[in-house]
PDB file of all heavy atoms in Angstrom:
ATOM      1  N   TYR A   1       0.821  -1.189  -0.035  1.00  0.00           N
ATOM      2  CA  TYR A   1      -0.008   0.008   0.014  1.00  0.00           C
ATOM      3  C   TYR A   1       0.874   1.242  -0.010  1.00  0.00           C
ATOM      4  O   TYR A   1       0.533   2.275  -0.651  1.00  0.00           O
ATOM      5  CB  TYR A   1      -0.941  -0.006   1.213  1.00  0.00           C
ATOM      6  CG  TYR A   1      -2.228  -0.722   0.985  1.00  0.00           C
ATOM      7  CD1 TYR A   1      -2.408  -2.016   1.444  1.00  0.00           C
ATOM      8  CD2 TYR A   1      -3.242  -0.134   0.248  1.00  0.00           C
ATOM      9  CE1 TYR A   1      -3.590  -2.682   1.244  1.00  0.00           C
ATOM     10  CE2 TYR A   1      -4.434  -0.793   0.038  1.00  0.00           C
ATOM     11  CZ  TYR A   1      -4.616  -2.080   0.554  1.00  0.00           C
ATOM     12  OH  TYR A   1      -5.781  -2.738   0.318  1.00  0.00           O
ATOM     13  N   ARG A   2       1.933   1.238   0.721  1.00  0.00           N
ATOM     14  CA  ARG A   2       2.807   2.401   0.768  1.00  0.00           C
ATOM     15  C   ARG A   2       3.416   2.724  -0.561  1.00  0.00           C
ATOM     16  O   ARG A   2       3.415   3.872  -1.055  1.00  0.00           O
ATOM     17  CB  ARG A   2       3.897   2.173   1.832  1.00  0.00           C
ATOM     18  CG  ARG A   2       4.769   3.381   2.109  1.00  0.00           C
ATOM     19  CD  ARG A   2       5.937   3.022   3.028  1.00  0.00           C
ATOM     20  NE  ARG A   2       6.691   4.168   3.400  1.00  0.00           N
ATOM     21  CZ  ARG A   2       7.859   4.121   4.079  1.00  0.00           C
ATOM     22  NH1 ARG A   2       8.372   2.907   4.382  1.00  0.00           N
ATOM     23  NH2 ARG A   2       8.506   5.171   4.409  1.00  0.00           N
ATOM     24  N   ILE A   3       4.000   1.692  -1.248  1.00  0.00           N
ATOM     25  CA  ILE A   3       4.667   1.940  -2.507  1.00  0.00           C
ATOM     26  C   ILE A   3       3.638   2.279  -3.593  1.00  0.00           C
ATOM     27  O   ILE A   3       3.881   3.221  -4.384  1.00  0.00           O
ATOM     28  CB  ILE A   3       5.515   0.698  -2.904  1.00  0.00           C
ATOM     29  CG1 ILE A   3       6.661   0.495  -1.870  1.00  0.00           C
ATOM     30  CG2 ILE A   3       6.067   0.849  -4.289  1.00  0.00           C
ATOM     31  CD1 ILE A   3       7.465  -0.754  -2.089  1.00  0.00           C
ATOM     32  N   SER A   4       2.556   1.568  -3.621  1.00  0.00           N
ATOM     33  CA  SER A   4       1.559   1.884  -4.670  1.00  0.00           C
ATOM     34  C   SER A   4       0.929   3.224  -4.451  1.00  0.00           C
ATOM     35  O   SER A   4       0.707   3.947  -5.443  1.00  0.00           O
ATOM     36  CB  SER A   4       0.447   0.793  -4.632  1.00  0.00           C
ATOM     37  OG  SER A   4      -0.263   0.846  -3.392  1.00  0.00           O
ATOM     38  N   GLY A   5       0.728   3.637  -3.231  1.00  0.00           N
ATOM     39  CA  GLY A   5       0.198   4.986  -2.998  1.00  0.00           C
ATOM     40  C   GLY A   5       1.197   6.063  -3.378  1.00  0.00           C
ATOM     41  O   GLY A   5       0.830   7.114  -3.909  1.00  0.00           O
ATOM     42  N   HIS A   6       2.502   5.801  -3.141  1.00  0.00           N
ATOM     43  CA  HIS A   6       3.507   6.798  -3.529  1.00  0.00           C
ATOM     44  C   HIS A   6       3.549   6.956  -5.061  1.00  0.00           C
ATOM     45  O   HIS A   6       3.583   8.101  -5.566  1.00  0.00           O
ATOM     46  CB  HIS A   6       4.896   6.318  -3.014  1.00  0.00           C
ATOM     47  CG  HIS A   6       6.003   7.160  -3.486  1.00  0.00           C
ATOM     48  ND1 HIS A   6       6.248   8.426  -2.969  1.00  0.00           N
ATOM     49  CD2 HIS A   6       6.979   6.919  -4.389  1.00  0.00           C
ATOM     50  CE1 HIS A   6       7.329   8.925  -3.576  1.00  0.00           C
ATOM     51  NE2 HIS A   6       7.775   8.037  -4.436  1.00  0.00           N
ATOM     52  N   TYR A   7       3.580   5.864  -5.795  1.00  0.00           N
ATOM     53  CA  TYR A   7       3.666   6.005  -7.266  1.00  0.00           C
ATOM     54  C   TYR A   7       2.347   6.478  -7.833  1.00  0.00           C
ATOM     55  O   TYR A   7       2.369   7.180  -8.880  1.00  0.00           O
ATOM     56  CB  TYR A   7       4.038   4.654  -7.879  1.00  0.00           C
ATOM     57  CG  TYR A   7       5.510   4.313  -7.722  1.00  0.00           C
ATOM     58  CD1 TYR A   7       5.934   3.356  -6.815  1.00  0.00           C
ATOM     59  CD2 TYR A   7       6.503   5.013  -8.424  1.00  0.00           C
ATOM     60  CE1 TYR A   7       7.296   3.074  -6.645  1.00  0.00           C
ATOM     61  CE2 TYR A   7       7.819   4.728  -8.291  1.00  0.00           C
ATOM     62  CZ  TYR A   7       8.230   3.744  -7.401  1.00  0.00           C
ATOM     63  OH  TYR A   7       9.565   3.510  -7.231  1.00  0.00           O
ATOM     64  N   ALA A   8       1.241   6.185  -7.240  1.00  0.00           N
ATOM     65  CA  ALA A   8      -0.027   6.704  -7.705  1.00  0.00           C
ATOM     66  C   ALA A   8      -0.096   8.233  -7.572  1.00  0.00           C
ATOM     67  O   ALA A   8      -0.526   8.978  -8.402  1.00  0.00           O
ATOM     68  CB  ALA A   8      -1.193   6.035  -6.992  1.00  0.00           C
ATOM     69  N   SER A   9       0.387   8.739  -6.405  1.00  0.00           N
ATOM     70  CA  SER A   9       0.438  10.179  -6.149  1.00  0.00           C
ATOM     71  C   SER A   9       1.417  10.809  -7.156  1.00  0.00           C
ATOM     72  O   SER A   9       1.125  11.910  -7.668  1.00  0.00           O
ATOM     73  CB  SER A   9       0.886  10.413  -4.732  1.00  0.00           C
ATOM     74  OG  SER A   9       1.001  11.811  -4.462  1.00  0.00           O
ATOM     75  N   LEU A  10       2.541  10.183  -7.425  1.00  0.00           N
ATOM     76  CA  LEU A  10       3.517  10.744  -8.380  1.00  0.00           C
ATOM     77  C   LEU A  10       2.932  10.893  -9.761  1.00  0.00           C
ATOM     78  O   LEU A  10       3.069  11.929 -10.445  1.00  0.00           O
ATOM     79  CB  LEU A  10       4.770   9.887  -8.406  1.00  0.00           C
ATOM     80  CG  LEU A  10       5.932  10.315  -9.302  1.00  0.00           C
ATOM     81  CD1 LEU A  10       6.415  11.703  -8.924  1.00  0.00           C
ATOM     82  CD2 LEU A  10       7.039   9.327  -9.311  1.00  0.00           C
ATOM     83  N   THR A  11       2.246   9.814 -10.267  1.00  0.00           N
ATOM     84  CA  THR A  11       1.646   9.889 -11.570  1.00  0.00           C
ATOM     85  C   THR A  11       0.501  10.914 -11.640  1.00  0.00           C
ATOM     86  O   THR A  11       0.316  11.558 -12.702  1.00  0.00           O
ATOM     87  CB  THR A  11       1.130   8.523 -11.989  1.00  0.00           C
ATOM     88  OG1 THR A  11       0.243   8.001 -10.973  1.00  0.00           O
ATOM     89  CG2 THR A  11       2.264   7.505 -12.195  1.00  0.00           C
ATOM     90  N   LEU A  12      -0.227  11.117 -10.560  1.00  0.00           N
ATOM     91  CA  LEU A  12      -1.254  12.132 -10.548  1.00  0.00           C
ATOM     92  C   LEU A  12      -0.690  13.524 -10.612  1.00  0.00           C
ATOM     93  O   LEU A  12      -1.260  14.413 -11.235  1.00  0.00           O
ATOM     94  CB  LEU A  12      -2.110  11.971  -9.287  1.00  0.00           C
ATOM     95  CG  LEU A  12      -3.087  10.767  -9.347  1.00  0.00           C
ATOM     96  CD1 LEU A  12      -3.803  10.617  -7.970  1.00  0.00           C
ATOM     97  CD2 LEU A  12      -4.091  10.905 -10.434  1.00  0.00           C
ATOM     98  N   TRP A  13       0.453  13.764  -9.927  1.00  0.00           N
ATOM     99  CA  TRP A  13       1.096  15.068 -10.076  1.00  0.00           C
ATOM    100  C   TRP A  13       1.589  15.304 -11.517  1.00  0.00           C
ATOM    101  O   TRP A  13       1.491  16.431 -12.029  1.00  0.00           O
ATOM    102  CB  TRP A  13       2.289  15.165  -9.090  1.00  0.00           C
ATOM    103  CG  TRP A  13       1.881  15.555  -7.673  1.00  0.00           C
ATOM    104  CD1 TRP A  13       2.035  14.756  -6.560  1.00  0.00           C
ATOM    105  CD2 TRP A  13       1.288  16.772  -7.252  1.00  0.00           C
ATOM    106  NE1 TRP A  13       1.567  15.457  -5.483  1.00  0.00           N
ATOM    107  CE2 TRP A  13       1.110  16.676  -5.857  1.00  0.00           C
ATOM    108  CE3 TRP A  13       0.903  17.948  -7.938  1.00  0.00           C
ATOM    109  CZ2 TRP A  13       0.501  17.688  -5.117  1.00  0.00           C
ATOM    110  CZ3 TRP A  13       0.341  18.966  -7.205  1.00  0.00           C
ATOM    111  CH2 TRP A  13       0.153  18.844  -5.794  1.00  0.00           C
ATOM    112  N   MET A  14       2.071  14.255 -12.141  1.00  0.00           N
ATOM    113  CA  MET A  14       2.487  14.364 -13.545  1.00  0.00           C
ATOM    114  C   MET A  14       1.277  14.664 -14.422  1.00  0.00           C
ATOM    115  O   MET A  14       1.336  15.454 -15.381  1.00  0.00           O
ATOM    116  CB  MET A  14       3.174  13.116 -13.977  1.00  0.00           C
ATOM    117  CG  MET A  14       4.517  12.838 -13.303  1.00  0.00           C
ATOM    118  SD  MET A  14       5.229  11.268 -13.687  1.00  0.00           S
ATOM    119  CE  MET A  14       5.473  11.403 -15.457  1.00  0.00           C
ATOM    120  N   ALA A  15       0.152  14.018 -14.093  1.00  0.00           N
ATOM    121  CA  ALA A  15      -1.087  14.277 -14.836  1.00  0.00           C
ATOM    122  C   ALA A  15      -1.539  15.753 -14.684  1.00  0.00           C
ATOM    123  O   ALA A  15      -2.048  16.346 -15.633  1.00  0.00           O
ATOM    124  CB  ALA A  15      -2.186  13.343 -14.392  1.00  0.00           C
ATOM    125  N   PHE A  16      -1.340  16.271 -13.484  1.00  0.00           N
ATOM    126  CA  PHE A  16      -1.702  17.673 -13.264  1.00  0.00           C
ATOM    127  C   PHE A  16      -0.841  18.593 -14.148  1.00  0.00           C
ATOM    128  O   PHE A  16      -1.336  19.568 -14.719  1.00  0.00           O
ATOM    129  CB  PHE A  16      -1.553  18.051 -11.809  1.00  0.00           C
ATOM    130  CG  PHE A  16      -1.932  19.434 -11.454  1.00  0.00           C
ATOM    131  CD1 PHE A  16      -3.299  19.808 -11.426  1.00  0.00           C
ATOM    132  CD2 PHE A  16      -0.995  20.379 -11.173  1.00  0.00           C
ATOM    133  CE1 PHE A  16      -3.634  21.113 -11.094  1.00  0.00           C
ATOM    134  CE2 PHE A  16      -1.334  21.667 -10.861  1.00  0.00           C
ATOM    135  CZ  PHE A  16      -2.688  22.019 -10.834  1.00  0.00           C
ATOM    136  N   CYS A  17       0.451  18.261 -14.259  1.00  0.00           N
ATOM    137  CA  CYS A  17       1.347  19.068 -15.108  1.00  0.00           C
ATOM    138  C   CYS A  17       0.972  18.960 -16.581  1.00  0.00           C
ATOM    139  O   CYS A  17       0.986  19.996 -17.303  1.00  0.00           O
ATOM    140  CB  CYS A  17       2.801  18.606 -14.902  1.00  0.00           C
ATOM    141  SG  CYS A  17       3.455  18.907 -13.265  1.00  0.00           S
ATOM    142  N   THR A  18       0.649  17.781 -17.064  1.00  0.00           N
ATOM    143  CA  THR A  18       0.240  17.657 -18.462  1.00  0.00           C
ATOM    144  C   THR A  18      -1.075  18.339 -18.741  1.00  0.00           C
ATOM    145  O   THR A  18      -1.311  18.844 -19.833  1.00  0.00           O
ATOM    146  CB  THR A  18       0.146  16.154 -18.845  1.00  0.00           C
ATOM    147  OG1 THR A  18      -0.750  15.463 -17.915  1.00  0.00           O
ATOM    148  CG2 THR A  18       1.544  15.500 -18.789  1.00  0.00           C
ATOM    149  N   TRP A  19      -1.967  18.366 -17.740  1.00  0.00           N
ATOM    150  CA  TRP A  19      -3.255  19.106 -17.881  1.00  0.00           C
ATOM    151  C   TRP A  19      -2.925  20.590 -18.049  1.00  0.00           C
ATOM    152  O   TRP A  19      -3.579  21.275 -18.897  1.00  0.00           O
ATOM    153  CB  TRP A  19      -4.149  18.879 -16.682  1.00  0.00           C
ATOM    154  CG  TRP A  19      -5.327  19.773 -16.642  1.00  0.00           C
ATOM    155  CD1 TRP A  19      -6.462  19.672 -17.362  1.00  0.00           C
ATOM    156  CD2 TRP A  19      -5.441  20.972 -15.841  1.00  0.00           C
ATOM    157  NE1 TRP A  19      -7.287  20.741 -17.035  1.00  0.00           N
ATOM    158  CE2 TRP A  19      -6.699  21.509 -16.116  1.00  0.00           C
ATOM    159  CE3 TRP A  19      -4.619  21.583 -14.909  1.00  0.00           C
ATOM    160  CZ2 TRP A  19      -7.146  22.689 -15.497  1.00  0.00           C
ATOM    161  CZ3 TRP A  19      -5.037  22.740 -14.300  1.00  0.00           C
ATOM    162  CH2 TRP A  19      -6.298  23.265 -14.572  1.00  0.00           C
ATOM    163  N   LEU A  20      -2.011  21.124 -17.276  1.00  0.00           N
ATOM    164  CA  LEU A  20      -1.640  22.535 -17.393  1.00  0.00           C
ATOM    165  C   LEU A  20      -1.060  22.804 -18.803  1.00  0.00           C
ATOM    166  O   LEU A  20      -1.369  23.878 -19.401  1.00  0.00           O
ATOM    167  CB  LEU A  20      -0.619  22.919 -16.338  1.00  0.00           C
ATOM    168  CG  LEU A  20      -1.156  23.053 -14.892  1.00  0.00           C
ATOM    169  CD1 LEU A  20       0.014  23.359 -13.939  1.00  0.00           C
ATOM    170  CD2 LEU A  20      -2.239  24.124 -14.790  1.00  0.00           C
ATOM    171  N   LEU A  21      -0.256  21.902 -19.297  1.00  0.00           N
ATOM    172  CA  LEU A  21       0.312  22.068 -20.641  1.00  0.00           C
ATOM    173  C   LEU A  21      -0.768  22.029 -21.696  1.00  0.00           C
ATOM    174  O   LEU A  21      -0.718  22.787 -22.677  1.00  0.00           O
ATOM    175  CB  LEU A  21       1.341  20.985 -20.918  1.00  0.00           C
ATOM    176  CG  LEU A  21       2.685  21.096 -20.211  1.00  0.00           C
ATOM    177  CD1 LEU A  21       3.550  19.887 -20.494  1.00  0.00           C
ATOM    178  CD2 LEU A  21       3.427  22.365 -20.648  1.00  0.00           C
ATOM    179  N   SER A  22      -1.773  21.168 -21.528  1.00  0.00           N
ATOM    180  CA  SER A  22      -2.871  21.145 -22.498  1.00  0.00           C
ATOM    181  C   SER A  22      -3.638  22.439 -22.525  1.00  0.00           C
ATOM    182  O   SER A  22      -3.997  22.951 -23.566  1.00  0.00           O
ATOM    183  CB  SER A  22      -3.774  19.970 -22.197  1.00  0.00           C
ATOM    184  OG  SER A  22      -4.505  20.173 -21.001  1.00  0.00           O
ATOM    185  N   ILE A  23      -3.901  23.028 -21.330  1.00  0.00           N
ATOM    186  CA  ILE A  23      -4.604  24.300 -21.293  1.00  0.00           C
ATOM    187  C   ILE A  23      -3.777  25.381 -21.951  1.00  0.00           C
ATOM    188  O   ILE A  23      -4.319  26.214 -22.710  1.00  0.00           O
ATOM    189  CB  ILE A  23      -4.849  24.706 -19.819  1.00  0.00           C
ATOM    190  CG1 ILE A  23      -5.812  23.678 -19.158  1.00  0.00           C
ATOM    191  CG2 ILE A  23      -5.446  26.087 -19.715  1.00  0.00           C
ATOM    192  CD1 ILE A  23      -7.170  23.653 -19.783  1.00  0.00           C
ATOM    193  N   LEU A  24      -2.453  25.367 -21.773  1.00  0.00           N
ATOM    194  CA  LEU A  24      -1.588  26.331 -22.391  1.00  0.00           C
ATOM    195  C   LEU A  24      -1.579  26.185 -23.916  1.00  0.00           C
ATOM    196  O   LEU A  24      -1.624  27.190 -24.668  1.00  0.00           O
ATOM    197  CB  LEU A  24      -0.156  26.203 -21.861  1.00  0.00           C
ATOM    198  CG  LEU A  24       0.907  27.152 -22.399  1.00  0.00           C
ATOM    199  CD1 LEU A  24       0.551  28.588 -22.092  1.00  0.00           C
ATOM    200  CD2 LEU A  24       2.267  26.782 -21.825  1.00  0.00           C
ATOM    201  N   LEU A  25      -1.542  24.951 -24.425  1.00  0.00           N
ATOM    202  CA  LEU A  25      -1.473  24.707 -25.840  1.00  0.00           C
ATOM    203  C   LEU A  25      -2.831  25.082 -26.501  1.00  0.00           C
ATOM    204  O   LEU A  25      -2.849  25.578 -27.613  1.00  0.00           O
ATOM    205  CB  LEU A  25      -1.140  23.238 -26.108  1.00  0.00           C
ATOM    206  CG  LEU A  25       0.274  22.807 -25.727  1.00  0.00           C
ATOM    207  CD1 LEU A  25       0.448  21.296 -25.896  1.00  0.00           C
ATOM    208  CD2 LEU A  25       1.285  23.532 -26.601  1.00  0.00           C
ATOM    209  N   PHE A  26      -3.924  24.829 -25.811  1.00  0.00           N
ATOM    210  CA  PHE A  26      -5.236  25.190 -26.360  1.00  0.00           C
ATOM    211  C   PHE A  26      -5.410  26.706 -26.453  1.00  0.00           C
ATOM    212  O   PHE A  26      -6.167  27.217 -27.269  1.00  0.00           O
ATOM    213  CB  PHE A  26      -6.336  24.607 -25.541  1.00  0.00           C
ATOM    214  CG  PHE A  26      -6.566  23.115 -25.818  1.00  0.00           C
ATOM    215  CD1 PHE A  26      -6.787  22.235 -24.757  1.00  0.00           C
ATOM    216  CD2 PHE A  26      -6.522  22.636 -27.088  1.00  0.00           C
ATOM    217  CE1 PHE A  26      -6.994  20.879 -25.007  1.00  0.00           C
ATOM    218  CE2 PHE A  26      -6.739  21.274 -27.340  1.00  0.00           C
ATOM    219  CZ  PHE A  26      -6.942  20.419 -26.317  1.00  0.00           C
ATOM    220  N   SER A  27      -4.798  27.414 -25.528  1.00  0.00           N
ATOM    221  CA  SER A  27      -4.907  28.897 -25.522  1.00  0.00           C
ATOM    222  C   SER A  27      -3.990  29.568 -26.495  1.00  0.00           C
ATOM    223  O   SER A  27      -4.175  30.768 -26.808  1.00  0.00           O
ATOM    224  CB  SER A  27      -4.655  29.416 -24.117  1.00  0.00           C
ATOM    225  OG  SER A  27      -3.358  29.154 -23.641  1.00  0.00           O
ATOM    226  N   MET A  28      -2.971  28.882 -27.037  1.00  0.00           N
ATOM    227  CA  MET A  28      -2.007  29.549 -27.866  1.00  0.00           C
ATOM    228  C   MET A  28      -2.466  29.970 -29.250  1.00  0.00           C
ATOM    229  O   MET A  28      -2.036  31.058 -29.712  1.00  0.00           O
ATOM    230  CB  MET A  28      -0.710  28.716 -27.931  1.00  0.00           C
ATOM    231  CG  MET A  28       0.053  28.722 -26.615  1.00  0.00           C
ATOM    232  SD  MET A  28       1.554  27.770 -26.623  1.00  0.00           S
ATOM    233  CE  MET A  28       2.566  28.656 -27.785  1.00  0.00           C
ATOM    234  N   PRO A  29      -3.241  29.237 -30.047  1.00  0.00           N
ATOM    235  CA  PRO A  29      -3.702  27.888 -29.860  1.00  0.00           C
ATOM    236  C   PRO A  29      -2.939  26.887 -30.741  1.00  0.00           C
ATOM    237  O   PRO A  29      -2.683  27.173 -31.915  1.00  0.00           O
ATOM    238  CB  PRO A  29      -5.133  27.995 -30.360  1.00  0.00           C
ATOM    239  CG  PRO A  29      -5.098  29.062 -31.422  1.00  0.00           C
ATOM    240  CD  PRO A  29      -3.936  29.961 -31.096  1.00  0.00           C
ATOM    241  N   ILE A  30      -2.568  25.769 -30.118  1.00  0.00           N
ATOM    242  CA  ILE A  30      -1.972  24.634 -30.850  1.00  0.00           C
ATOM    243  C   ILE A  30      -2.796  23.429 -30.521  1.00  0.00           C
ATOM    244  O   ILE A  30      -2.524  22.691 -29.576  1.00  0.00           O
ATOM    245  CB  ILE A  30      -0.482  24.444 -30.469  1.00  0.00           C
ATOM    246  CG1 ILE A  30       0.298  25.764 -30.599  1.00  0.00           C
ATOM    247  CG2 ILE A  30       0.188  23.398 -31.342  1.00  0.00           C
ATOM    248  CD1 ILE A  30       1.687  25.667 -30.113  1.00  0.00           C
ATOM    249  N   LEU A  31      -3.890  23.255 -31.288  1.00  0.00           N
ATOM    250  CA  LEU A  31      -4.948  22.313 -30.869  1.00  0.00           C
ATOM    251  C   LEU A  31      -4.495  20.880 -30.911  1.00  0.00           C
ATOM    252  O   LEU A  31      -4.839  20.099 -30.020  1.00  0.00           O
ATOM    253  CB  LEU A  31      -6.164  22.530 -31.776  1.00  0.00           C
ATOM    254  CG  LEU A  31      -6.708  23.956 -31.851  1.00  0.00           C
ATOM    255  CD1 LEU A  31      -7.952  24.023 -32.704  1.00  0.00           C
ATOM    256  CD2 LEU A  31      -7.009  24.514 -30.445  1.00  0.00           C
ATOM    257  N   LEU A  32      -3.754  20.461 -31.923  1.00  0.00           N
ATOM    258  CA  LEU A  32      -3.373  19.095 -32.065  1.00  0.00           C
ATOM    259  C   LEU A  32      -2.520  18.650 -30.891  1.00  0.00           C
ATOM    260  O   LEU A  32      -2.743  17.603 -30.271  1.00  0.00           O
ATOM    261  CB  LEU A  32      -2.631  18.872 -33.363  1.00  0.00           C
ATOM    262  CG  LEU A  32      -2.160  17.452 -33.672  1.00  0.00           C
ATOM    263  CD1 LEU A  32      -3.363  16.504 -33.724  1.00  0.00           C
ATOM    264  CD2 LEU A  32      -1.343  17.401 -34.963  1.00  0.00           C
ATOM    265  N   TYR A  33      -1.510  19.432 -30.510  1.00  0.00           N
ATOM    266  CA  TYR A  33      -0.658  19.070 -29.389  1.00  0.00           C
ATOM    267  C   TYR A  33      -1.382  19.176 -28.049  1.00  0.00           C
ATOM    268  O   TYR A  33      -1.046  18.480 -27.112  1.00  0.00           O
ATOM    269  CB  TYR A  33       0.604  19.934 -29.428  1.00  0.00           C
ATOM    270  CG  TYR A  33       1.506  19.634 -30.589  1.00  0.00           C
ATOM    271  CD1 TYR A  33       1.505  20.440 -31.703  1.00  0.00           C
ATOM    272  CD2 TYR A  33       2.325  18.546 -30.586  1.00  0.00           C
ATOM    273  CE1 TYR A  33       2.283  20.174 -32.819  1.00  0.00           C
ATOM    274  CE2 TYR A  33       3.148  18.237 -31.682  1.00  0.00           C
ATOM    275  CZ  TYR A  33       3.106  19.071 -32.754  1.00  0.00           C
ATOM    276  OH  TYR A  33       3.934  18.767 -33.858  1.00  0.00           O
ATOM    277  N   GLY A  34      -2.375  20.026 -27.986  1.00  0.00           N
ATOM    278  CA  GLY A  34      -3.250  20.075 -26.791  1.00  0.00           C
ATOM    279  C   GLY A  34      -3.988  18.755 -26.632  1.00  0.00           C
ATOM    280  O   GLY A  34      -4.152  18.248 -25.532  1.00  0.00           O
ATOM    281  N   GLY A  35      -4.474  18.194 -27.754  1.00  0.00           N
ATOM    282  CA  GLY A  35      -5.109  16.903 -27.701  1.00  0.00           C
ATOM    283  C   GLY A  35      -4.160  15.802 -27.267  1.00  0.00           C
ATOM    284  O   GLY A  35      -4.529  14.886 -26.498  1.00  0.00           O
ATOM    285  N   TYR A  36      -2.900  15.885 -27.722  1.00  0.00           N
ATOM    286  CA  TYR A  36      -1.897  14.909 -27.289  1.00  0.00           C
ATOM    287  C   TYR A  36      -1.668  14.980 -25.779  1.00  0.00           C
ATOM    288  O   TYR A  36      -1.509  13.933 -25.115  1.00  0.00           O
ATOM    289  CB  TYR A  36      -0.596  15.113 -28.021  1.00  0.00           C
ATOM    290  CG  TYR A  36      -0.626  14.736 -29.488  1.00  0.00           C
ATOM    291  CD1 TYR A  36       0.166  15.364 -30.424  1.00  0.00           C
ATOM    292  CD2 TYR A  36      -1.469  13.678 -29.931  1.00  0.00           C
ATOM    293  CE1 TYR A  36       0.098  14.975 -31.776  1.00  0.00           C
ATOM    294  CE2 TYR A  36      -1.509  13.335 -31.281  1.00  0.00           C
ATOM    295  CZ  TYR A  36      -0.701  14.001 -32.185  1.00  0.00           C
ATOM    296  OH  TYR A  36      -0.762  13.607 -33.491  1.00  0.00           O
ATOM    297  N   MET A  37      -1.646  16.190 -25.261  1.00  0.00           N
ATOM    298  CA  MET A  37      -1.447  16.331 -23.798  1.00  0.00           C
ATOM    299  C   MET A  37      -2.657  15.804 -23.026  1.00  0.00           C
ATOM    300  O   MET A  37      -2.467  15.257 -21.931  1.00  0.00           O
ATOM    301  CB  MET A  37      -1.218  17.832 -23.488  1.00  0.00           C
ATOM    302  CG  MET A  37       0.144  18.364 -23.860  1.00  0.00           C
ATOM    303  SD  MET A  37       1.493  17.581 -22.926  1.00  0.00           S
ATOM    304  CE  MET A  37       2.188  16.497 -24.203  1.00  0.00           C
ATOM    305  N   LEU A  38      -3.831  15.960 -23.533  1.00  0.00           N
ATOM    306  CA  LEU A  38      -5.030  15.395 -22.878  1.00  0.00           C
ATOM    307  C   LEU A  38      -4.929  13.850 -22.866  1.00  0.00           C
ATOM    308  O   LEU A  38      -5.247  13.212 -21.872  1.00  0.00           O
ATOM    309  CB  LEU A  38      -6.270  15.816 -23.578  1.00  0.00           C
ATOM    310  CG  LEU A  38      -6.877  17.180 -23.153  1.00  0.00           C
ATOM    311  CD1 LEU A  38      -8.151  17.450 -23.885  1.00  0.00           C
ATOM    312  CD2 LEU A  38      -7.125  17.199 -21.653  1.00  0.00           C
ATOM    313  N   LEU A  39      -4.465  13.282 -23.978  1.00  0.00           N
ATOM    314  CA  LEU A  39      -4.298  11.797 -23.985  1.00  0.00           C
ATOM    315  C   LEU A  39      -3.219  11.364 -22.965  1.00  0.00           C
ATOM    316  O   LEU A  39      -3.432  10.342 -22.254  1.00  0.00           O
ATOM    317  CB  LEU A  39      -3.866  11.347 -25.393  1.00  0.00           C
ATOM    318  CG  LEU A  39      -4.929  11.323 -26.468  1.00  0.00           C
ATOM    319  CD1 LEU A  39      -4.349  10.821 -27.762  1.00  0.00           C
ATOM    320  CD2 LEU A  39      -6.117  10.461 -26.048  1.00  0.00           C
ATOM    321  N   LEU A  40      -2.176  12.114 -22.860  1.00  0.00           N
ATOM    322  CA  LEU A  40      -1.108  11.791 -21.839  1.00  0.00           C
ATOM    323  C   LEU A  40      -1.684  11.955 -20.472  1.00  0.00           C
ATOM    324  O   LEU A  40      -1.373  11.146 -19.558  1.00  0.00           O
ATOM    325  CB  LEU A  40       0.101  12.696 -22.063  1.00  0.00           C
ATOM    326  CG  LEU A  40       1.304  12.398 -21.178  1.00  0.00           C
ATOM    327  CD1 LEU A  40       1.753  10.922 -21.313  1.00  0.00           C
ATOM    328  CD2 LEU A  40       2.447  13.336 -21.526  1.00  0.00           C
ATOM    329  N   THR A  41      -2.492  12.969 -20.223  1.00  0.00           N
ATOM    330  CA  THR A  41      -3.145  13.110 -18.874  1.00  0.00           C
ATOM    331  C   THR A  41      -4.020  11.914 -18.538  1.00  0.00           C
ATOM    332  O   THR A  41      -3.953  11.412 -17.422  1.00  0.00           O
ATOM    333  CB  THR A  41      -4.001  14.407 -18.893  1.00  0.00           C
ATOM    334  OG1 THR A  41      -3.176  15.530 -19.176  1.00  0.00           O
ATOM    335  CG2 THR A  41      -4.635  14.636 -17.526  1.00  0.00           C
ATOM    336  N   ALA A  42      -4.813  11.474 -19.539  1.00  0.00           N
ATOM    337  CA  ALA A  42      -5.664  10.308 -19.326  1.00  0.00           C
ATOM    338  C   ALA A  42      -4.825   9.077 -19.050  1.00  0.00           C
ATOM    339  O   ALA A  42      -5.187   8.277 -18.099  1.00  0.00           O
ATOM    340  CB  ALA A  42      -6.532  10.061 -20.557  1.00  0.00           C
ATOM    341  N   ALA A  43      -3.719   8.875 -19.767  1.00  0.00           N
ATOM    342  CA  ALA A  43      -2.863   7.694 -19.531  1.00  0.00           C
ATOM    343  C   ALA A  43      -2.294   7.702 -18.154  1.00  0.00           C
ATOM    344  O   ALA A  43      -2.219   6.653 -17.477  1.00  0.00           O
ATOM    345  CB  ALA A  43      -1.764   7.638 -20.604  1.00  0.00           C
ATOM    346  N   LEU A  44      -1.830   8.860 -17.684  1.00  0.00           N
ATOM    347  CA  LEU A  44      -1.234   8.943 -16.352  1.00  0.00           C
ATOM    348  C   LEU A  44      -2.267   8.655 -15.247  1.00  0.00           C
ATOM    349  O   LEU A  44      -1.975   7.961 -14.251  1.00  0.00           O
ATOM    350  CB  LEU A  44      -0.598  10.284 -16.123  1.00  0.00           C
ATOM    351  CG  LEU A  44       0.625  10.557 -16.947  1.00  0.00           C
ATOM    352  CD1 LEU A  44       1.066  12.012 -16.827  1.00  0.00           C
ATOM    353  CD2 LEU A  44       1.794   9.698 -16.511  1.00  0.00           C
TER     354      LEU A  44
END
């Protein structure tokens, strides 16, 4: 439980960073790469 919780928290923080990147790309706008960042967020 300790190790799985640690790595789950780490991947969720990475998902939060990729979500921020997707918002930034959509606002620039670079729509295709924003979609890629959303896919990466979902995977994490």
